[in-house]
Every structure is written in structure tokens, then in C-alpha cells.
Protein backbone atom coordinates (compact mmCIF):
# COMPACT_ATOMS: atom_id res chain seq x y z
CA MET A 1 90.87 71.54 116.60
CA VAL A 2 91.24 75.25 117.36
CA ILE A 3 92.50 77.98 115.01
CA LEU A 4 93.56 81.28 116.56
CA GLY A 5 93.30 84.15 114.08
CA GLY A 6 91.13 84.84 111.04
CA GLY A 7 93.74 86.45 108.83
CA PHE A 8 95.23 84.96 105.66
CA ALA A 9 96.87 82.11 107.58
CA GLY A 10 94.09 81.06 109.92
CA LEU A 11 91.28 81.46 107.39
CA ASN A 12 93.07 79.37 104.77
CA VAL A 13 93.70 76.55 107.23
CA ALA A 14 89.98 76.41 107.94
CA LYS A 15 89.10 76.49 104.24
CA GLY A 16 91.67 73.81 103.50
CA LEU A 17 89.97 71.48 106.01
CA LYS A 18 86.47 71.94 104.62
CA ASP A 19 86.06 68.24 103.84
CA ALA A 20 88.32 66.84 106.56
CA PRO A 21 86.92 64.71 109.42
CA VAL A 22 87.67 67.37 112.03
CA SER A 23 85.62 69.76 114.12
CA ILE A 24 87.07 73.29 113.84
CA THR A 25 86.69 76.32 116.09
CA LEU A 26 88.15 79.53 114.68
CA ILE A 27 88.70 82.34 117.20
CA ASP A 28 89.35 85.99 116.35
CA ARG A 29 88.81 89.25 118.20
CA CYS A 30 87.31 90.75 115.02
CA ASN A 31 84.32 89.32 113.18
CA TYR A 32 85.90 90.02 109.80
CA HIS A 33 88.81 88.98 107.61
CA LEU A 34 90.90 91.97 106.55
CA PHE A 35 92.74 92.22 103.23
CA GLN A 36 95.74 94.00 104.72
CA PRO A 37 97.64 94.75 101.48
CA LEU A 38 95.03 97.40 100.65
CA LEU A 39 94.73 98.82 104.15
CA TYR A 40 96.82 101.84 103.20
CA GLN A 41 94.13 102.76 100.67
CA VAL A 42 91.64 103.10 103.51
CA ALA A 43 94.15 105.29 105.33
CA THR A 44 94.52 107.50 102.25
CA ALA A 45 90.78 107.81 101.49
CA VAL A 46 90.74 105.68 98.34
CA LEU A 47 88.60 102.85 99.72
CA SER A 48 86.21 102.34 102.62
CA PRO A 49 86.72 99.59 105.23
CA ALA A 50 83.90 97.42 103.84
CA ASP A 51 85.73 97.29 100.50
CA ILE A 52 88.60 95.26 101.97
CA ALA A 53 86.95 93.33 104.82
CA SER A 54 84.49 90.42 104.85
CA PRO A 55 82.64 88.80 107.79
CA ILE A 56 84.34 85.55 108.74
CA ARG A 57 81.02 83.84 109.40
CA HIS A 58 79.89 84.69 105.89
CA ILE A 59 83.11 83.35 104.35
CA LEU A 60 82.80 80.04 106.22
CA ARG A 61 79.01 79.73 106.05
CA GLY A 62 79.28 76.68 103.78
CA GLN A 63 81.49 74.69 106.18
CA PRO A 64 79.37 72.64 108.60
CA ASN A 65 82.50 71.42 110.42
CA THR A 66 83.56 74.96 111.38
CA ARG A 67 82.25 77.36 113.99
CA VAL A 68 83.45 80.91 114.61
CA GLY A 69 83.98 82.58 117.96
CA LEU A 70 84.52 86.26 118.74
CA ALA A 71 86.94 86.41 121.66
CA GLU A 72 90.31 87.67 122.88
CA VAL A 73 93.06 85.09 123.32
CA GLU A 74 94.80 85.52 126.67
CA SER A 75 97.21 82.58 126.88
CA ILE A 76 97.98 79.05 125.70
CA ASP A 77 98.58 76.11 128.05
CA LEU A 78 100.66 73.59 126.11
CA GLU A 79 100.80 71.04 128.91
CA HIS A 80 97.03 70.76 129.28
CA ARG A 81 96.25 71.49 125.61
CA ARG A 82 94.00 74.40 126.44
CA VAL A 83 93.52 77.94 125.13
CA HIS A 84 92.43 80.59 127.62
CA LEU A 85 90.08 83.27 126.29
CA ASN A 86 88.48 86.32 127.85
CA LYS A 87 85.21 84.36 127.59
CA GLY A 88 86.40 81.05 129.00
CA GLY A 89 88.60 78.30 127.59
CA LEU A 90 88.85 75.73 124.82
CA SER A 91 90.58 72.36 124.73
CA TYR A 92 92.21 71.13 121.53
CA ASP A 93 93.64 68.11 119.78
CA TYR A 94 95.29 70.32 117.14
CA LEU A 95 96.05 74.00 117.59
CA VAL A 96 96.96 76.48 114.85
CA VAL A 97 98.32 79.81 116.12
CA ALA A 98 97.96 82.50 113.45
CA LEU A 99 97.54 85.67 115.50
CA GLY A 100 99.74 87.86 113.33
CA ALA A 101 101.98 90.70 114.44
CA GLY A 102 101.61 94.24 115.67
CA HIS A 103 103.70 97.40 115.63
CA SER A 104 107.19 97.63 117.09
CA TYR A 105 108.55 100.97 118.24
CA PHE A 106 111.90 99.47 119.23
CA GLY A 107 111.45 100.07 122.93
CA HIS A 108 109.74 103.44 122.57
CA ASP A 109 106.06 102.56 122.90
CA GLU A 110 105.37 106.14 123.95
CA TRP A 111 105.85 107.14 120.30
CA GLU A 112 102.68 105.30 119.32
CA ARG A 113 100.57 108.21 120.56
CA PHE A 114 102.14 110.53 117.99
CA ALA A 115 102.97 108.02 115.23
CA PRO A 116 100.21 105.47 114.61
CA GLY A 117 101.04 102.33 112.69
CA LEU A 118 98.94 100.59 110.07
CA LYS A 119 97.77 97.09 110.99
CA THR A 120 94.02 97.39 111.61
CA ILE A 121 90.99 99.20 110.22
CA GLU A 122 91.01 101.37 113.33
CA ASP A 123 94.62 102.35 112.57
CA ALA A 124 93.70 103.21 108.98
CA LEU A 125 90.72 105.34 110.00
CA GLU A 126 92.82 107.15 112.59
CA ILE A 127 95.52 107.93 110.03
CA ARG A 128 92.90 109.06 107.51
CA ARG A 129 91.39 111.35 110.13
CA ARG A 130 94.73 112.87 111.08
CA VAL A 131 95.77 113.41 107.47
CA LEU A 132 92.52 115.09 106.43
CA LEU A 133 92.37 117.16 109.62
CA ALA A 134 95.86 118.46 108.87
CA TYR A 135 94.58 120.17 105.73
CA GLU A 136 91.50 121.52 107.52
CA GLU A 137 93.64 122.99 110.29
CA ALA A 138 96.17 124.41 107.83
CA GLU A 139 93.35 126.20 106.01
CA TRP A 140 92.75 128.31 109.13
CA GLU A 141 96.34 128.69 110.27
CA SER A 142 97.71 132.22 109.82
CA ASP A 143 101.29 131.48 110.95
CA GLU A 144 103.26 130.30 107.91
CA ALA A 145 105.69 128.12 109.89
CA LEU A 146 102.89 126.38 111.76
CA ARG A 147 100.95 125.91 108.54
CA GLN A 148 103.93 124.26 106.85
CA ALA A 149 104.41 121.97 109.86
CA LYS A 150 100.79 120.87 109.63
CA LEU A 151 101.36 120.09 105.95
CA THR A 152 104.46 117.99 106.63
CA PHE A 153 103.92 114.24 106.68
CA VAL A 154 106.69 111.90 107.80
CA VAL A 155 106.48 108.18 107.02
CA VAL A 156 108.94 106.09 109.03
CA GLY A 157 110.00 102.85 107.33
CA GLY A 158 110.97 102.12 103.74
CA GLY A 159 109.25 98.77 103.27
CA PRO A 160 106.23 98.24 101.01
CA THR A 161 103.81 99.86 103.47
CA GLY A 162 105.99 102.94 103.88
CA VAL A 163 106.61 103.31 100.15
CA GLU A 164 102.92 102.93 99.32
CA MET A 165 101.84 105.34 102.06
CA ALA A 166 104.36 108.00 101.02
CA GLY A 167 103.31 107.85 97.38
CA ALA A 168 99.60 107.96 98.23
CA LEU A 169 100.04 110.93 100.58
CA LYS A 170 101.85 112.89 97.87
CA GLU A 171 99.10 112.10 95.37
CA ILE A 172 96.46 113.41 97.77
CA ALA A 173 98.32 116.69 98.12
CA SER A 174 99.18 117.20 94.47
CA LYS A 175 96.25 115.63 92.60
CA ALA A 176 93.19 114.88 94.72
CA ILE A 177 92.47 117.98 96.81
CA PRO A 178 94.15 121.15 95.41
CA LYS A 179 90.79 122.54 94.20
CA ASP A 180 89.03 121.82 97.49
CA PHE A 181 90.85 124.48 99.51
CA ARG A 182 90.76 128.27 99.00
CA PHE A 183 93.48 129.60 101.28
CA ILE A 184 96.27 127.02 101.10
CA ASP A 185 98.22 125.46 98.28
CA THR A 186 98.07 121.75 99.09
CA THR A 187 100.72 120.98 96.48
CA THR A 188 103.30 122.52 98.83
CA ALA A 189 102.74 119.72 101.37
CA ARG A 190 105.95 117.86 102.21
CA VAL A 191 106.00 114.07 102.35
CA ILE A 192 109.20 112.67 103.82
CA LEU A 193 110.02 108.95 103.79
CA VAL A 194 112.60 107.98 106.41
CA GLU A 195 114.50 104.69 106.24
CA ALA A 196 117.27 103.66 108.63
CA GLY A 197 118.85 101.29 106.10
CA PRO A 198 120.86 102.09 102.97
CA ARG A 199 117.94 101.44 100.58
CA LEU A 200 114.20 101.01 100.30
CA LEU A 201 112.30 97.71 99.98
CA GLN A 202 114.80 95.42 101.66
CA GLY A 203 112.85 92.34 100.58
CA MET A 204 113.13 93.20 96.88
CA SER A 205 116.01 93.51 94.44
CA GLU A 206 118.45 96.41 94.34
CA GLU A 207 117.03 97.39 90.95
CA SER A 208 113.48 97.56 92.33
CA ALA A 209 114.70 99.60 95.29
CA ARG A 210 116.40 102.12 92.97
CA ASP A 211 113.31 102.29 90.76
CA ALA A 212 111.07 102.91 93.75
CA LYS A 213 113.29 105.70 95.05
CA ARG A 214 113.44 107.33 91.64
CA GLN A 215 109.68 107.23 91.14
CA LEU A 216 108.99 108.60 94.61
CA GLU A 217 111.38 111.48 94.08
CA GLU A 218 109.84 112.23 90.68
CA MET A 219 106.52 112.63 92.51
CA GLY A 220 108.09 115.02 94.99
CA VAL A 221 108.56 112.71 97.97
CA GLU A 222 111.72 113.42 99.99
CA VAL A 223 113.50 110.10 100.60
CA ARG A 224 115.90 110.07 103.57
CA LEU A 225 118.02 106.91 103.62
CA GLU A 226 120.30 105.99 106.53
CA HIS A 227 118.39 108.29 108.84
CA THR A 228 117.33 106.98 112.24
CA VAL A 229 114.42 108.35 114.23
CA THR A 230 115.67 109.23 117.71
CA ASP A 231 112.47 110.74 119.11
CA VAL A 232 108.87 111.46 118.20
CA ARG A 233 107.04 114.24 120.00
CA GLU A 234 103.91 116.28 119.59
CA GLY A 235 104.40 118.13 116.29
CA GLU A 236 107.98 117.06 115.60
CA VAL A 237 110.35 114.22 114.75
CA LEU A 238 114.04 114.03 115.63
CA LEU A 239 116.35 112.43 113.06
CA GLY A 240 119.62 112.28 114.94
CA ASP A 241 120.26 115.89 115.91
CA GLU A 242 117.92 117.28 113.25
CA ARG A 243 114.58 118.58 114.50
CA LEU A 244 111.86 118.21 111.87
CA PRO A 245 108.53 120.00 112.54
CA ALA A 246 105.79 117.64 111.35
CA GLY A 247 102.11 117.56 112.10
CA ASN A 248 101.70 113.93 111.10
CA VAL A 249 103.98 110.93 111.57
CA ILE A 250 103.03 107.47 110.31
CA TRP A 251 104.91 104.42 111.57
CA ALA A 252 105.78 101.62 109.13
CA ALA A 253 109.17 100.62 110.49
CA GLY A 254 108.86 97.42 112.49
CA ILE A 255 106.72 94.55 113.73
CA ARG A 256 106.55 92.40 116.83
CA GLY A 257 104.75 89.13 117.38
CA SER A 258 101.54 88.82 119.35
CA HIS A 259 102.04 88.95 123.12
CA VAL A 260 100.07 85.70 123.44
CA VAL A 261 103.02 83.56 122.29
CA ARG A 262 104.99 84.59 125.37
CA SER A 263 102.73 82.23 127.33
CA LEU A 264 104.18 79.30 125.35
CA GLY A 265 107.28 79.46 127.52
CA ILE A 266 109.68 79.00 124.62
CA HIS A 267 112.49 81.11 123.19
CA LEU A 268 111.33 83.75 120.69
CA ASP A 269 113.44 85.58 118.13
CA ARG A 270 114.30 89.25 118.52
CA ILE A 271 110.98 90.46 117.09
CA GLY A 272 108.82 88.00 118.99
CA ARG A 273 108.36 85.29 116.38
CA VAL A 274 108.20 81.60 117.26
CA PRO A 275 110.97 79.35 115.85
CA VAL A 276 109.15 76.34 114.41
CA ALA A 277 110.14 72.93 113.09
CA PRO A 278 110.42 72.40 109.32
CA ASP A 279 106.79 71.19 109.23
CA LEU A 280 105.71 74.44 111.02
CA SER A 281 104.90 72.69 114.30
CA LEU A 282 106.34 73.48 117.70
CA PRO A 283 109.34 71.34 118.68
CA GLN A 284 108.17 68.84 121.32
CA HIS A 285 104.53 69.67 120.50
CA PRO A 286 103.65 68.28 117.06
CA GLU A 287 99.96 69.00 117.66
CA VAL A 288 100.61 72.78 117.71
CA PHE A 289 101.37 74.74 114.55
CA VAL A 290 102.46 78.38 114.35
CA ILE A 291 102.07 80.07 110.96
CA GLY A 292 101.93 83.46 109.27
CA ASP A 293 103.76 86.50 110.62
CA LEU A 294 104.27 84.76 113.98
CA ALA A 295 106.35 81.91 112.57
CA ARG A 296 110.11 82.02 112.24
CA VAL A 297 111.05 79.44 109.62
CA ASP A 298 114.09 79.54 107.37
CA ASP A 299 113.86 78.91 103.64
CA PRO A 300 116.24 75.98 102.96
CA GLN A 301 117.13 77.40 99.55
CA THR A 302 118.15 80.88 100.70
CA GLY A 303 118.91 80.24 104.37
CA GLU A 304 116.90 83.36 105.25
CA ALA A 305 113.64 83.67 107.15
CA VAL A 306 110.47 83.30 105.10
CA PRO A 307 109.06 86.85 104.75
CA GLY A 308 105.95 87.91 106.62
CA VAL A 309 103.79 88.49 103.55
CA ALA A 310 100.33 87.28 102.59
CA PRO A 311 101.48 84.71 99.97
CA ALA A 312 103.78 83.06 102.53
CA ALA A 313 100.98 82.93 105.10
CA ILE A 314 98.63 81.31 102.60
CA GLN A 315 101.23 78.74 101.58
CA MET A 316 101.90 77.90 105.24
CA ALA A 317 98.17 77.48 105.84
CA LYS A 318 97.75 75.07 102.94
CA HIS A 319 100.77 73.07 104.10
CA VAL A 320 99.38 72.69 107.63
CA ALA A 321 95.90 71.86 106.34
CA ARG A 322 97.31 69.01 104.24
CA ILE A 323 99.17 67.59 107.25
CA ILE A 324 96.13 67.73 109.54
CA GLN A 325 93.82 66.34 106.87
CA ARG A 326 96.04 63.32 106.24
CA GLN A 327 96.75 62.71 109.90
CA SER A 328 93.09 62.97 110.91
CA ALA A 329 92.13 60.58 108.12
CA THR A 330 94.85 57.94 108.68
CA GLY A 331 95.58 58.45 112.36
CA ASN A 332 99.31 58.63 111.74
CA TYR A 333 101.78 60.75 109.77
CA PRO A 334 105.28 59.86 111.02
CA GLN A 335 107.20 61.70 108.28
CA ARG A 336 105.62 65.06 107.79
CA PRO A 337 106.93 67.04 104.81
CA SER A 338 108.94 70.19 105.39
CA PHE A 339 107.46 73.52 104.37
CA ARG A 340 108.89 74.98 101.16
CA TYR A 341 108.19 78.60 100.36
CA ARG A 342 107.63 79.37 96.68
CA ASP A 343 108.34 83.01 96.00
CA LYS A 344 105.88 84.00 93.28
CA GLY A 345 107.13 87.57 93.20
CA THR A 346 106.90 90.78 95.17
CA MET A 347 105.54 94.16 94.22
CA ALA A 348 104.72 97.57 95.60
CA THR A 349 102.68 100.40 94.18
CA ILE A 350 103.93 103.96 94.43
CA GLY A 351 101.29 106.07 92.74
CA ARG A 352 99.35 106.63 89.58
CA ASN A 353 101.07 104.60 86.82
CA ARG A 354 103.97 103.95 89.18
CA ALA A 355 104.98 100.67 90.82
CA VAL A 356 107.77 98.13 91.06
CA ALA A 357 107.50 94.36 90.68
CA ALA A 358 109.96 91.48 90.82
CA ILE A 359 108.59 88.27 89.31
CA GLY A 360 110.49 85.18 88.20
CA GLY A 361 113.85 86.92 88.26
CA PHE A 362 112.60 89.84 86.19
CA ASN A 363 112.18 93.40 87.47
CA PHE A 364 109.47 95.73 86.22
CA ALA A 365 108.82 99.37 86.97
CA GLY A 366 106.35 102.05 85.98
CA PHE A 367 103.03 101.55 84.20
CA PHE A 368 103.38 97.83 83.46
CA ALA A 369 104.28 97.06 87.08
CA TRP A 370 101.33 99.19 88.20
CA ILE A 371 98.95 97.19 85.99
CA LEU A 372 100.37 93.92 87.36
CA TRP A 373 99.95 95.14 90.93
CA SER A 374 96.35 96.21 90.27
CA LEU A 375 95.35 92.91 88.66
CA VAL A 376 96.94 90.77 91.36
CA HIS A 377 95.28 92.69 94.18
CA ILE A 378 91.86 92.78 92.58
CA TRP A 379 92.00 89.03 91.92
CA SER A 380 93.10 88.36 95.51
CA LEU A 381 90.09 90.07 97.07
CA LEU A 382 87.44 87.76 98.50
CA GLY A 383 84.18 87.87 96.57
CA PHE A 384 83.11 88.97 93.11
CA ARG A 385 81.28 92.03 94.42
CA LYS A 386 84.37 93.42 96.16
CA ARG A 387 86.50 92.86 93.07
CA VAL A 388 84.04 94.72 90.86
CA PHE A 389 83.50 97.54 93.36
CA VAL A 390 87.21 98.10 93.99
CA MET A 391 87.95 97.94 90.27
CA PHE A 392 85.40 100.64 89.49
CA SER A 393 86.54 102.76 92.45
CA TRP A 394 90.07 102.64 91.10
CA LEU A 395 88.89 103.36 87.56
CA TRP A 396 86.86 106.38 88.71
CA GLY A 397 89.76 107.63 90.80
CA TYR A 398 92.12 107.19 87.87
CA LEU A 399 89.89 109.19 85.53
CA SER A 400 88.81 111.89 87.96
CA TYR A 401 91.82 112.18 90.33
CA THR A 402 89.40 112.02 93.29
CA LYS A 403 89.50 110.13 96.59
CA ASN A 404 85.92 109.16 97.37
CA ALA A 405 86.32 108.21 101.03
CA ARG A 406 87.47 111.59 102.38
CA LEU A 407 85.43 111.46 105.57
CA ILE A 408 86.73 112.77 108.88
CA THR A 409 85.22 110.57 111.58
CA GLY A 410 85.88 109.98 115.26
CA ASP A 411 86.39 112.15 118.33
CA PHE A 412 88.03 115.43 117.34
CA GLU A 413 88.80 116.41 120.94
CA ALA A 414 90.31 112.97 121.59
CA ARG A 415 92.56 113.49 118.60
CA LYS A 416 93.72 116.84 119.95
CA THR A 417 94.55 115.40 123.36
CA GLY A 418 96.08 112.23 121.99
CA ASP A 419 93.49 109.96 123.64
CA ALA A 420 91.82 108.64 120.49
CA ARG A 421 93.49 105.23 120.61
CA GLU A 422 92.60 104.74 124.30
CA LYS A 423 88.93 105.46 123.55
CA SER A 424 88.53 102.75 120.93
CA ASP A 425 88.81 98.98 120.98
CA HIS A 426 91.11 97.81 118.22
CA CYS A 427 90.61 94.58 116.35
């Protein structure tokens, strides 16, 4: 069998088939598994990339039935049961497609040059570089209006990523770096969170959304609800007819499925996800499963699409692994069970001692929610060493108000000309 993607979904399918009588090939264009929920902390100089990423080969080193390949998936041929890669092709008996999703700029891909999203380590490092460079450039800027523009950060999208980014950016300005600069007051930096909808955190309760907005505003973040971005240009954002000078724009507003699934020749939903059968397989192709962010499957209890979050991807992976394990062992599985998503709760951190969490019908906010968020994310990291290292990094940051990963790396001239993304290969 072939697994495409080494994220939460793909990796957990492979791990779930450790003892199954199947030969597995896992393909990814990166050689590491990324813990995406903490990616924003790389972007905001709290953690380094190695703190939240682990080599896939190392993770699966104890599975003799699994091999790992580093390659780019180009297309999938359902008729001939073959995956086409940039390094050749692979045939399969079972195929699991778990390639994840990328950024969506709603038909304005030209905005990506000025407003990077946050899906990969390369994205996080680019955002970190732009944010830290903004303060360096403001230090030498004599024009007050230009200086304020450089110190204006706009985050587009009020989901968990946008909320967490906005809070972290404000903490950098107000807590982490004020003593590092002599000629600017970093606490005057503006952080503006823009959301097109009527509230933040659409996937959480109304109470959690109100708590998140309140905590952000207490920190000094400007929250703009029901504001739509109409254009993003060099040094400015347009919200309707309002022109907002801003040196940095970060995109957290939308996703779209991997372009590879277009080769399946089936109807996709409006954001490029694949509608799957209740058992997560493709209709007419029971040997092919699509899981994770790429899968469009409705929760029978709520009638709404299962959210594209890590817990859902892991549950999908375990469900598919059980089906393949039984079918490979018995040779037949005529009545496959339907996937049932178990919502174990959602949460988002906002800043120091600030978070929101909705668990088991109860809503929490503030310090207790922040502790819950911290414990859950530390426990979810792969490997004891990473858990200990991240825990102590957070503890040191909590006590000292410092961000230890404040390194500006990359091509400075490429950043100025907007060519940085074209000069790097993104995983």
C-alpha cells in the first residue's frame, strides 16, 4: 500500500498498521513530520523548527513493514492504480491520500507575495524574518509615518491561527523586545486582526469567541470584525475603501486542498476537498482513502463537515488503519464501519495566561484555559526530549519575558524585492 503525506493523518495510518500483514510506502516531499499547532511559535520566535519537527524515518524506524520516500506527488491514476511522482511511479493495492491543504487567497494569488500564510516551516521562518526586520528597519526610520507603518502588523483571519498569531505579535512588541531598541518604542506597534465574519473562532462557541475578543483587546490588539480585505499591496492593505498602511500582513484566512486531487477526476467542494464515503474511501474506489484536511465528510450527529484539525485527522487515520488491517488479514470486509468524529474539545491560546477552551460542553477562559492548552500541546509532541525542551523553553519565556529564537535568517535583498518565496523550495 502507498500513503501520500507524512502529517498527522498519513503518519498515524502507518503507525496503526505496524503489525499488519501489509507492505507500506509512505511518500512526503519533506523528510520530517511537523507539529503544525505550534508552528506560529516558530513564526513568533518562541521555538526553533527542530522543536516541533521530527524526521519521519526516525519515527518509523521500528516498523520493518514501512519504507519512506522523499518525493513530490504529481498525479494519481485511479484506473491503473498508480501514483506518479517526480522520481517515477508507484503501484498500489491500497492508497491513502493525506496531502493536507495549502493557503487560499480567494482568487487573488498575487497577494501571497505581500501576505505569507502559515503552513510550513519555510512560511514560519519567512514571517519571523519579516516581523523582526520590521523593528530593525523602524529603528533607523526618521519619518514618523513610515516608522508607524513598519510597526503595523495586520493578521487576516479570525480562526485559531489568526487569534494566536495576533496575540503573540502583541506580546513581542509589549513584553519581549522593548529594552532591545534605543530609538523606538516597540510598545506602540499596532496589531490588527481582521475577520470577515461577525465573530472570531467560528469553530468554537459564541462564549469562547467573546472571551477571545475581550482578551485580545485587553492586550491591545485591534479586532476588526465584518471587515473584508479587498486588496493587499506593498506596504498597505485595503479594507473596503479604507487604506491601511502596514509593513507586515500575515494571511490566516482560508485553505484549499492539494492540487494533486484534481487528477482524480472527481467533483471537489468549493475549497478543493474530496467528498468521501462514510468509511472515508472514494465512491467507486474502495481501495482509495482520503483523510485529513483533504477529506470532506459530514458528521452524522451535527450534519456539518468534520473540521480540519489535528484530532480529526488522527481519528480518521486510526479508522482507516483498522479497516485496512482487518481487510488485509481476512481478505474481505463487506460492511465497513462509518467514520464517527469524537469532538474532544477545541482551544486556542491568546497570550501569557490567556486562552480559551471548550471541552465537554464547558467553556473556559484565562489562566486555567492557558494551562490546559499548554499541557495538551506538550503531551501531543512526539518524543520525550521535545516535550521536556519545549516545556523548559516556555517556562523560561514565562519567567523572563524573552523570545529565544529571535534570529533573522535568509536573503535580505530577496525579502526587499519580494522574491524570497521563489528562491526557496517549500516543504
